[in-house]
Amino acid sequence: MMATKTLPAWRTKLQASLQRHEGVPFSKFFQLATIKPDGRPSNRTVVFRGFLEGTNDIQLVSDIRYNKVAEAARNPAAEVAWYFTDSREQYRLSGLLTMVGPDHENQALQDARAAVWRGMSDKARAQYLWPAPGAPKTGKEEMPQQPPPAADQPPLPTFCLSVLSVKEVDYYETNGQTRYKYSLDGSGDSWQELELNA
């Protein structure tokens, strides 16, 4: 039997926040910021798709044709802002973003990509058949007429798993005016905790 790895304090807090807001559908939405080629921030709302198995890395999904995929390939630095309305908690998680498309060489990440694909709804999988997102409308676009890809089929080539490897967390709970900073040490093995002024 394998020993259970102790979760960092921020992860325990985040899982408790998710559990408290289980009945609130929008609690799984957060904002993800990447960096455009000209250095300006690029921000959008994405959906939490769980933690990469055996890690503290956050999973989300993307169409490989979205700007954030190219932005992360150029500069993987990214930050998440996640707010829980009922408990009035905010998490800012920063780290490096890895985009796992059909040609990614890491088999474990390809397996994770397939697992997330299988866990998505038919409606969500169907979006990856749509015309190129963000492209100018020509009026000639046609929405696909075929049924959505089945969960047991391989992920479509346009489907990309995005994995945020978290390096730093700023946690702020406004009700109690509590704030902590969590930083992964240089070895990547342990987390340092620092209490901050709110």
Protein backbone atom coordinates (compact mmCIF):
# COMPACT_ATOMS: atom_id res chain seq x y z
CA MET A 1 0.00 0.00 0.00
CA MET A 2 1.39 3.39 -1.00
CA ALA A 3 1.77 6.12 1.61
CA THR A 4 -0.55 9.06 1.11
CA LYS A 5 1.33 12.22 0.24
CA THR A 6 0.38 15.14 2.49
CA LEU A 7 -1.45 17.85 0.61
CA PRO A 8 -0.15 21.41 0.90
CA ALA A 9 -2.26 23.72 3.08
CA TRP A 10 -3.52 25.75 0.09
CA ARG A 11 -4.77 22.60 -1.64
CA THR A 12 -6.63 21.51 1.49
CA LYS A 13 -8.25 24.96 1.70
CA LEU A 14 -9.16 24.94 -1.98
CA GLN A 15 -10.74 21.50 -1.78
CA ALA A 16 -12.75 22.63 1.26
CA SER A 17 -13.90 25.71 -0.69
CA LEU A 18 -14.99 23.52 -3.61
CA GLN A 19 -16.84 21.18 -1.26
CA ARG A 20 -18.64 24.07 0.48
CA HIS A 21 -19.74 25.42 -2.92
CA GLU A 22 -20.61 22.04 -4.43
CA GLY A 23 -24.18 23.11 -5.23
CA VAL A 24 -23.06 26.39 -6.85
CA PRO A 25 -22.35 25.61 -10.54
CA PHE A 26 -20.31 28.74 -11.21
CA SER A 27 -17.87 27.93 -8.39
CA LYS A 28 -15.90 25.79 -10.86
CA PHE A 29 -15.29 28.82 -13.10
CA PHE A 30 -12.18 30.95 -12.67
CA GLN A 31 -10.15 33.48 -14.63
CA LEU A 32 -6.93 32.46 -16.34
CA ALA A 33 -4.40 35.07 -17.44
CA THR A 34 -1.64 34.40 -19.95
CA ILE A 35 0.76 36.78 -21.69
CA LYS A 36 0.31 37.99 -25.26
CA PRO A 37 3.36 38.17 -27.57
CA ASP A 38 3.46 41.98 -27.07
CA GLY A 39 3.66 41.54 -23.27
CA ARG A 40 0.07 42.54 -22.49
CA PRO A 41 -2.08 40.28 -20.29
CA SER A 42 -4.74 38.08 -21.84
CA ASN A 43 -7.55 36.98 -19.51
CA ARG A 44 -10.52 34.63 -19.92
CA THR A 45 -12.92 32.51 -17.89
CA VAL A 46 -12.29 28.75 -17.87
CA VAL A 47 -13.68 25.68 -16.09
CA PHE A 48 -11.86 23.65 -13.44
CA ARG A 49 -11.48 20.03 -14.59
CA GLY A 50 -9.88 18.62 -11.46
CA PHE A 51 -6.31 18.04 -10.40
CA LEU A 52 -3.87 16.05 -12.49
CA GLU A 53 -3.67 12.68 -10.77
CA GLY A 54 -0.94 12.45 -8.16
CA THR A 55 -0.09 16.16 -8.37
CA ASN A 56 -1.29 19.61 -7.29
CA ASP A 57 -1.50 20.69 -10.95
CA ILE A 58 -4.81 22.16 -12.11
CA GLN A 59 -6.49 20.83 -15.25
CA LEU A 60 -8.60 22.83 -17.68
CA VAL A 61 -9.38 22.37 -21.36
CA SER A 62 -9.05 24.42 -24.49
CA ASP A 63 -9.55 24.33 -28.21
CA ILE A 64 -6.05 24.10 -29.67
CA ARG A 65 -6.97 26.98 -32.00
CA TYR A 66 -7.46 29.45 -29.11
CA ASN A 67 -4.87 32.19 -28.53
CA LYS A 68 -3.99 30.91 -25.06
CA VAL A 69 -2.44 27.78 -26.55
CA ALA A 70 0.02 29.76 -28.67
CA GLU A 71 0.57 32.24 -25.83
CA ALA A 72 1.49 29.46 -23.39
CA ALA A 73 3.81 27.86 -25.94
CA ARG A 74 5.66 31.18 -26.25
CA ASN A 75 5.58 32.05 -22.53
CA PRO A 76 4.16 29.44 -20.10
CA ALA A 77 3.77 31.90 -17.19
CA ALA A 78 0.11 32.05 -16.15
CA GLU A 79 -2.08 33.02 -13.19
CA VAL A 80 -5.53 32.00 -12.01
CA ALA A 81 -7.91 34.21 -10.01
CA TRP A 82 -10.63 32.16 -8.32
CA TYR A 83 -13.30 33.66 -6.04
CA PHE A 84 -15.83 31.77 -3.92
CA THR A 85 -18.84 33.97 -3.25
CA ASP A 86 -20.40 32.28 -0.21
CA SER A 87 -17.20 31.97 1.82
CA ARG A 88 -15.67 35.15 0.34
CA GLU A 89 -12.36 33.44 -0.35
CA GLN A 90 -9.98 34.33 -3.14
CA TYR A 91 -7.17 32.21 -4.53
CA ARG A 92 -4.53 33.53 -6.90
CA LEU A 93 -2.51 30.62 -8.21
CA SER A 94 0.49 31.28 -10.41
CA GLY A 95 2.74 28.87 -12.24
CA LEU A 96 3.54 27.42 -15.61
CA LEU A 97 0.99 26.28 -18.18
CA THR A 98 1.53 23.16 -20.28
CA MET A 99 -0.67 22.59 -23.33
CA VAL A 100 -1.27 18.93 -24.15
CA GLY A 101 -2.46 18.56 -27.72
CA PRO A 102 -2.54 15.42 -29.88
CA ASP A 103 1.22 15.55 -30.55
CA HIS A 104 2.45 16.02 -26.98
CA GLU A 105 5.23 13.50 -26.28
CA ASN A 106 4.42 12.76 -22.60
CA GLN A 107 2.29 9.61 -22.44
CA ALA A 108 1.05 10.25 -18.88
CA LEU A 109 -0.27 13.66 -19.99
CA GLN A 110 -1.83 12.08 -23.09
CA ASP A 111 -3.59 9.60 -20.79
CA ALA A 112 -4.84 12.51 -18.66
CA ARG A 113 -6.05 14.28 -21.83
CA ALA A 114 -8.05 11.19 -22.81
CA ALA A 115 -9.48 10.83 -19.28
CA VAL A 116 -10.69 14.45 -19.19
CA TRP A 117 -12.21 14.01 -22.68
CA ARG A 118 -14.13 10.94 -21.49
CA GLY A 119 -15.44 12.87 -18.46
CA MET A 120 -16.90 15.73 -20.50
CA SER A 121 -20.52 16.02 -21.57
CA ASP A 122 -21.62 15.39 -25.19
CA LYS A 123 -22.33 19.11 -25.54
CA ALA A 124 -18.83 20.05 -24.37
CA ARG A 125 -17.15 17.55 -26.71
CA ALA A 126 -19.24 18.80 -29.65
CA GLN A 127 -17.69 22.29 -29.32
CA TYR A 128 -14.43 20.95 -30.73
CA LEU A 129 -16.18 20.39 -34.09
CA TRP A 130 -17.19 24.05 -34.37
CA PRO A 131 -15.57 26.55 -36.76
CA ALA A 132 -12.26 28.08 -35.63
CA PRO A 133 -12.88 30.14 -32.46
CA GLY A 134 -11.91 33.79 -32.67
CA ALA A 135 -11.69 33.79 -36.48
CA PRO A 136 -13.64 36.54 -38.30
CA LYS A 137 -17.12 35.49 -39.37
CA THR A 138 -17.53 35.05 -43.10
CA GLY A 139 -21.21 34.07 -43.10
CA LYS A 140 -20.27 30.75 -44.70
CA GLU A 141 -19.53 28.87 -41.49
CA GLU A 142 -21.47 25.67 -41.07
CA MET A 143 -22.11 24.03 -37.76
CA PRO A 144 -21.43 20.29 -37.90
CA GLN A 145 -24.48 18.14 -38.48
CA GLN A 146 -23.04 14.88 -37.13
CA PRO A 147 -23.65 13.81 -33.53
CA PRO A 148 -21.04 14.79 -30.93
CA PRO A 149 -18.01 12.51 -30.61
CA ALA A 150 -18.62 9.68 -28.16
CA ALA A 151 -16.75 9.63 -24.87
CA ASP A 152 -15.04 6.35 -25.80
CA GLN A 153 -13.64 7.77 -29.04
CA PRO A 154 -10.15 9.32 -29.03
CA PRO A 155 -10.08 13.08 -28.36
CA LEU A 156 -10.48 15.25 -31.45
CA PRO A 157 -7.24 16.88 -32.72
CA THR A 158 -8.65 20.30 -31.74
CA PHE A 159 -8.98 19.21 -28.08
CA CYS A 160 -6.22 20.38 -25.76
CA LEU A 161 -5.70 19.61 -22.08
CA SER A 162 -4.16 22.57 -20.25
CA VAL A 163 -2.24 21.87 -17.05
CA LEU A 164 -1.22 24.63 -14.64
CA SER A 165 1.76 23.57 -12.54
CA VAL A 166 1.19 25.73 -9.47
CA LYS A 167 4.29 27.40 -7.98
CA GLU A 168 2.76 30.10 -5.76
CA VAL A 169 -0.62 30.71 -4.13
CA ASP A 170 -2.02 33.88 -2.57
CA TYR A 171 -5.01 33.00 -0.39
CA TYR A 172 -7.29 35.72 1.01
CA GLU A 173 -10.40 35.18 3.14
CA THR A 174 -12.16 38.52 3.49
CA ASN A 175 -14.58 37.64 6.32
CA GLY A 176 -11.75 36.96 8.76
CA GLN A 177 -9.23 39.23 7.06
CA THR A 178 -6.91 36.24 6.73
CA ARG A 179 -4.23 36.09 4.07
CA TYR A 180 -1.44 33.61 3.37
CA LYS A 181 1.18 33.18 0.69
CA TYR A 182 2.29 29.66 -0.22
CA SER A 183 5.46 29.21 -2.28
CA LEU A 184 6.97 26.04 -3.67
CA ASP A 185 10.63 25.78 -2.68
CA GLY A 186 13.46 25.52 -5.21
CA SER A 187 13.55 21.72 -5.02
CA GLY A 188 9.84 21.54 -5.84
CA ASP A 189 9.30 19.22 -2.87
CA SER A 190 7.88 21.40 -0.12
CA TRP A 191 5.68 24.45 0.34
CA GLN A 192 6.57 27.48 2.45
CA GLU A 193 3.73 29.31 4.21
CA LEU A 194 3.85 33.02 5.07
CA GLU A 195 1.06 34.95 6.79
CA LEU A 196 0.45 38.36 5.22
CA ASN A 197 -1.39 41.51 6.13
CA ALA A 198 -4.84 41.37 4.55
